[in-house]
Amino acid sequence: MRFTLGFSPCPNDTFIFDALVNKKIDTEGLDFEVFLEDVQTLNQWAMQGKLDISKISYGVLPLVLHQYRLLEAGGALGKGVGPLLISKQPQPLSAVNTATIAIPGQQTTAHLLFSLAFPGATQKKFMVFSDIEDAVLSGKVDCGVIIHENRFTYQQKGLTKLMDLGEFWEKETASPIPLGGIVLRKDQAPGLSEKVNALIRKSLEYAFSRYPALPTYVKQHAQEMDEQVMRQHIDLYVNNYSLSLGSEGEKAVQTLLKTYAGLHSRKGAGQAQG
């Protein structure tokens, strides 16, 4: 049985899926055609129902639940792992509502968390996450929301943190931050979700058992080639929630779904009044 599988080339995803897609573990008769793409591309594909199994931002989950189910394993969720709002120079948070902001995709969790913190900000420019630091440095935008390995490199480029959007979420909700999850199309055979969950766990346990050694697969695809940054990335985004959401993780996802619904109902009411 062959399935299409999409995830990002970032170290956390390649670390989790390496043993699975490169047959370092017994895949129990399953084969995968792999697509390595930026998460916003994966979000858009999920909205189209393109792949059988895919990594997505939790920010797009409400829009795909009609055709995908969320898996327990393989995701990124935790505390102290949220996106950062950065700029070239320190500035008051009150200035953010009128600033131009680069955001890594409209359906990303980063956009949802930014909208929760700054509901009045409207001058948003959506772009690939890896272009955001340069957009801020060149003055194309006033501020940027950064994710992934850029969390570890922005200070080296002389950029300033204005707010940790993850900390804001944690204070507002008392929940870990659901960043990205793995979804499986609902039209697949019954029982496949349990099998895929088990295989992802086995793949991650294989990677954990050899860590801090980095698989060649991770090094091949990492945008930031410094191995220490790769390990920082894995340490931050891959944890016990990646093995299984558990009750706390599931509660955090439900909190995010309610937050999404609240933000969009307010937005709809504002448009109706306008």
Protein backbone atom coordinates (compact mmCIF):
# COMPACT_ATOMS: atom_id res chain seq x y z
CA MET A 1 0.00 0.00 0.00
CA ARG A 2 1.44 3.35 -1.09
CA PHE A 3 0.45 6.70 0.41
CA THR A 4 1.42 10.30 -0.27
CA LEU A 5 3.06 11.92 2.78
CA GLY A 6 3.99 15.57 3.18
CA PHE A 7 6.10 17.30 5.81
CA SER A 8 8.56 20.18 5.95
CA PRO A 9 12.33 19.96 5.37
CA CYS A 10 12.89 21.43 8.85
CA PRO A 11 14.98 19.34 11.27
CA ASN A 12 12.09 18.48 13.59
CA ASP A 13 10.07 16.87 10.78
CA THR A 14 12.96 15.11 9.03
CA PHE A 15 14.15 13.83 12.44
CA ILE A 16 10.71 12.36 13.19
CA PHE A 17 10.10 10.79 9.77
CA ASP A 18 13.62 9.71 8.73
CA ALA A 19 13.39 6.12 9.96
CA LEU A 20 9.89 5.72 8.50
CA VAL A 21 10.48 7.04 4.99
CA ASN A 22 13.99 5.59 4.68
CA LYS A 23 12.88 2.14 5.85
CA LYS A 24 15.11 2.03 8.92
CA ILE A 25 12.14 0.43 10.67
CA ASP A 26 9.65 -2.18 9.48
CA THR A 27 6.89 -0.15 7.79
CA GLU A 28 4.55 -3.16 7.88
CA GLY A 29 3.79 -3.14 4.17
CA LEU A 30 3.27 0.61 3.83
CA ASP A 31 5.22 2.69 1.30
CA PHE A 32 5.31 6.48 1.13
CA GLU A 33 5.73 8.96 -1.68
CA VAL A 34 7.27 11.91 0.17
CA PHE A 35 6.71 15.61 -0.50
CA LEU A 36 9.00 18.04 1.35
CA GLU A 37 7.37 21.47 1.31
CA ASP A 38 7.06 24.68 3.29
CA VAL A 39 4.26 24.32 5.82
CA GLN A 40 2.08 26.98 4.19
CA THR A 41 2.18 24.97 0.94
CA LEU A 42 1.19 21.89 2.94
CA ASN A 43 -1.64 23.88 4.55
CA GLN A 44 -2.95 24.89 1.12
CA TRP A 45 -2.67 21.33 -0.15
CA ALA A 46 -4.58 20.07 2.90
CA MET A 47 -7.38 22.52 2.12
CA GLN A 48 -7.49 20.90 -1.33
CA GLY A 49 -7.30 17.36 0.11
CA LYS A 50 -4.21 16.67 -2.00
CA LEU A 51 -2.15 14.31 0.20
CA ASP A 52 -3.12 11.17 2.11
CA ILE A 53 -1.05 12.10 5.18
CA SER A 54 0.35 15.55 5.89
CA LYS A 55 1.97 17.85 8.39
CA ILE A 56 -0.12 21.00 8.82
CA SER A 57 -0.19 24.10 10.99
CA TYR A 58 -2.80 23.85 13.72
CA GLY A 59 -3.96 27.22 12.43
CA VAL A 60 -5.47 25.47 9.39
CA LEU A 61 -6.93 22.50 11.28
CA PRO A 62 -10.44 24.02 11.60
CA LEU A 63 -10.58 24.33 7.80
CA VAL A 64 -9.64 20.71 7.03
CA LEU A 65 -11.40 18.68 9.74
CA HIS A 66 -14.21 17.83 7.32
CA GLN A 67 -11.82 15.68 5.28
CA TYR A 68 -8.88 14.90 7.59
CA ARG A 69 -8.52 13.43 11.07
CA LEU A 70 -5.77 14.52 13.45
CA LEU A 71 -3.24 11.86 14.43
CA GLU A 72 -1.79 11.51 17.92
CA ALA A 73 1.87 11.27 16.87
CA GLY A 74 4.36 13.33 14.88
CA GLY A 75 3.32 16.86 15.78
CA ALA A 76 4.95 19.87 17.42
CA LEU A 77 3.38 21.11 20.64
CA GLY A 78 4.91 22.43 23.82
CA LYS A 79 5.80 25.34 26.07
CA GLY A 80 8.31 28.02 25.13
CA VAL A 81 8.12 27.02 21.47
CA GLY A 82 6.01 29.79 20.00
CA PRO A 83 6.73 32.26 17.20
CA LEU A 84 8.51 35.55 17.91
CA LEU A 85 7.63 39.05 16.75
CA ILE A 86 10.82 40.86 15.72
CA SER A 87 11.94 44.18 14.24
CA LYS A 88 15.17 46.02 13.35
CA GLN A 89 14.87 48.47 16.23
CA PRO A 90 13.09 48.35 19.60
CA GLN A 91 9.63 49.93 19.39
CA PRO A 92 6.53 50.10 21.60
CA LEU A 93 3.97 47.34 21.12
CA SER A 94 1.38 50.05 20.55
CA ALA A 95 3.07 50.72 17.18
CA VAL A 96 2.45 47.19 15.91
CA ASN A 97 -1.20 47.79 14.95
CA THR A 98 -0.14 50.34 12.30
CA ALA A 99 3.07 48.57 11.20
CA THR A 100 3.53 46.30 8.20
CA ILE A 101 4.03 42.75 9.46
CA ALA A 102 5.55 39.79 7.60
CA ILE A 103 3.78 36.55 8.55
CA PRO A 104 4.74 33.00 7.49
CA GLY A 105 1.46 32.13 5.72
CA GLN A 106 -2.16 33.03 6.22
CA GLN A 107 -3.27 29.65 7.61
CA THR A 108 -0.34 29.14 9.97
CA THR A 109 -0.51 28.87 13.75
CA ALA A 110 1.89 31.83 13.81
CA HIS A 111 -0.78 33.99 12.15
CA LEU A 112 -3.43 32.80 14.59
CA LEU A 113 -1.23 33.60 17.61
CA PHE A 114 -0.29 37.00 16.17
CA SER A 115 -3.99 37.77 15.58
CA LEU A 116 -4.79 36.83 19.17
CA ALA A 117 -2.12 39.23 20.47
CA PHE A 118 -2.76 42.03 17.94
CA PRO A 119 -6.37 41.79 16.71
CA GLY A 120 -6.19 45.37 15.39
CA ALA A 121 -3.21 44.82 13.09
CA THR A 122 -4.25 44.73 9.43
CA GLN A 123 -1.14 45.48 7.34
CA LYS A 124 0.03 41.91 6.94
CA LYS A 125 2.28 40.50 4.23
CA PHE A 126 2.26 36.73 3.93
CA MET A 127 5.51 35.11 2.80
CA VAL A 128 7.63 31.99 3.15
CA PHE A 129 9.05 31.83 6.70
CA SER A 130 12.67 31.77 5.51
CA ASP A 131 12.28 35.15 3.74
CA ILE A 132 11.02 37.07 6.77
CA GLU A 133 14.33 38.02 8.45
CA ASP A 134 15.63 39.54 5.20
CA ALA A 135 12.34 41.39 4.64
CA VAL A 136 12.72 43.04 8.06
CA LEU A 137 16.42 43.76 7.56
CA SER A 138 15.84 45.34 4.12
CA GLY A 139 12.97 47.50 5.37
CA LYS A 140 10.34 45.85 3.15
CA VAL A 141 8.31 45.38 6.34
CA ASP A 142 8.44 46.96 9.78
CA CYS A 143 8.17 43.74 11.78
CA GLY A 144 8.12 39.99 11.19
CA VAL A 145 6.79 36.86 12.85
CA ILE A 146 9.52 34.23 12.82
CA ILE A 147 9.32 30.47 13.36
CA HIS A 148 11.52 27.38 13.04
CA GLU A 149 15.30 27.87 13.05
CA ASN A 150 15.00 31.64 12.66
CA ARG A 151 14.29 31.70 16.40
CA PHE A 152 17.98 30.85 16.87
CA THR A 153 19.49 33.16 14.26
CA TYR A 154 17.66 36.51 14.45
CA GLN A 155 19.92 37.96 17.17
CA GLN A 156 23.05 37.18 15.15
CA LYS A 157 21.59 39.39 12.40
CA GLY A 158 21.03 42.31 14.79
CA LEU A 159 17.25 41.92 15.01
CA THR A 160 15.23 42.65 18.17
CA LYS A 161 12.47 40.62 19.80
CA LEU A 162 9.33 42.65 20.50
CA MET A 163 7.17 39.82 21.84
CA ASP A 164 7.21 36.07 22.32
CA LEU A 165 3.78 35.19 20.90
CA GLY A 166 3.99 31.75 22.49
CA GLU A 167 4.37 33.25 25.96
CA PHE A 168 1.34 35.44 25.25
CA TRP A 169 -0.69 32.35 24.28
CA GLU A 170 0.42 30.46 27.40
CA LYS A 171 -0.56 33.35 29.70
CA GLU A 172 -3.93 33.77 27.97
CA THR A 173 -4.88 30.10 27.84
CA ALA A 174 -2.70 28.25 30.40
CA SER A 175 -2.14 25.69 27.61
CA PRO A 176 0.87 24.41 25.71
CA ILE A 177 1.13 25.79 22.17
CA PRO A 178 -0.14 23.54 19.37
CA LEU A 179 2.11 24.46 16.43
CA GLY A 180 1.79 21.67 13.89
CA GLY A 181 0.13 18.28 13.67
CA ILE A 182 -0.15 15.28 11.36
CA VAL A 183 -3.44 14.59 9.62
CA LEU A 184 -4.76 11.60 7.67
CA ARG A 185 -7.46 11.78 5.04
CA LYS A 186 -10.75 10.38 6.30
CA ASP A 187 -11.42 8.41 3.11
CA GLN A 188 -8.59 5.98 3.93
CA ALA A 189 -9.24 2.45 5.16
CA PRO A 190 -10.53 1.98 8.73
CA GLY A 191 -7.73 1.23 11.14
CA LEU A 192 -5.05 3.00 9.09
CA SER A 193 -4.81 5.89 11.55
CA GLU A 194 -3.79 3.52 14.38
CA LYS A 195 -1.20 1.86 12.15
CA VAL A 196 0.29 5.16 10.94
CA ASN A 197 0.34 6.52 14.51
CA ALA A 198 2.26 3.45 15.66
CA LEU A 199 4.75 3.72 12.79
CA ILE A 200 5.42 7.43 13.42
CA ARG A 201 6.03 6.67 17.11
CA LYS A 202 8.39 3.83 16.18
CA SER A 203 10.23 6.13 13.75
CA LEU A 204 10.66 8.80 16.42
CA GLU A 205 11.73 6.30 19.08
CA TYR A 206 14.37 5.06 16.63
CA ALA A 207 15.64 8.65 16.17
CA PHE A 208 15.59 9.35 19.93
CA SER A 209 17.58 6.16 20.63
CA ARG A 210 20.46 7.47 18.49
CA TYR A 211 20.30 11.15 19.42
CA PRO A 212 22.29 13.46 19.60
CA ALA A 213 23.64 11.83 16.41
CA LEU A 214 21.89 13.48 13.45
CA PRO A 215 20.66 11.38 10.52
CA THR A 216 22.03 12.26 7.08
CA TYR A 217 18.43 12.94 6.04
CA VAL A 218 18.19 15.82 8.55
CA LYS A 219 21.50 17.34 7.46
CA GLN A 220 20.60 17.09 3.75
CA HIS A 221 17.44 19.15 4.12
CA ALA A 222 18.22 21.61 6.93
CA GLN A 223 18.27 25.18 5.72
CA GLU A 224 20.51 26.23 8.61
CA MET A 225 23.50 23.92 8.17
CA ASP A 226 25.09 24.43 11.59
CA GLU A 227 24.57 21.17 13.47
CA GLN A 228 24.17 22.91 16.81
CA VAL A 229 21.23 24.89 15.40
CA MET A 230 19.73 21.67 14.08
CA ARG A 231 19.91 20.15 17.56
CA GLN A 232 18.44 23.30 19.13
CA HIS A 233 15.60 23.01 16.65
CA ILE A 234 14.97 19.34 17.49
CA ASP A 235 15.28 19.95 21.25
CA LEU A 236 12.70 22.72 21.07
CA TYR A 237 10.07 21.16 18.81
CA VAL A 238 10.37 17.38 19.33
CA ASN A 239 9.22 16.09 22.71
CA ASN A 240 6.81 13.68 24.39
CA TYR A 241 3.87 15.42 22.71
CA SER A 242 5.45 14.32 19.40
CA LEU A 243 5.11 10.70 20.53
CA SER A 244 1.51 11.25 21.62
CA LEU A 245 -0.66 14.30 22.25
CA GLY A 246 -2.18 12.75 25.38
CA SER A 247 -4.99 14.40 27.31
CA GLU A 248 -3.10 17.67 27.90
CA GLY A 249 -2.20 17.97 24.23
CA GLU A 250 -5.75 17.21 23.11
CA LYS A 251 -7.05 19.86 25.51
CA ALA A 252 -4.60 22.40 24.05
CA VAL A 253 -5.84 21.61 20.53
CA GLN A 254 -9.46 22.11 21.64
CA THR A 255 -8.44 25.46 23.18
CA LEU A 256 -6.88 26.49 19.87
CA LEU A 257 -10.02 25.49 17.94
CA LYS A 258 -12.16 27.58 20.31
CA THR A 259 -9.75 30.52 20.00
CA TYR A 260 -9.90 30.28 16.21
CA ALA A 261 -13.71 30.25 16.30
CA GLY A 262 -13.75 33.26 18.65
CA LEU A 263 -11.35 35.30 16.50
CA HIS A 264 -13.32 34.58 13.35
CA SER A 265 -16.71 35.27 14.91
CA ARG A 266 -15.43 38.68 16.07
CA LYS A 267 -13.99 39.34 12.62
CA GLY A 268 -17.30 38.38 11.01
CA ALA A 269 -19.25 40.61 13.40
CA GLY A 270 -16.92 43.52 12.62
CA GLN A 271 -17.40 43.03 8.88
CA ALA A 272 -21.19 42.81 9.34
CA GLN A 273 -21.20 46.07 11.31
CA GLY A 274 -18.96 47.72 8.69
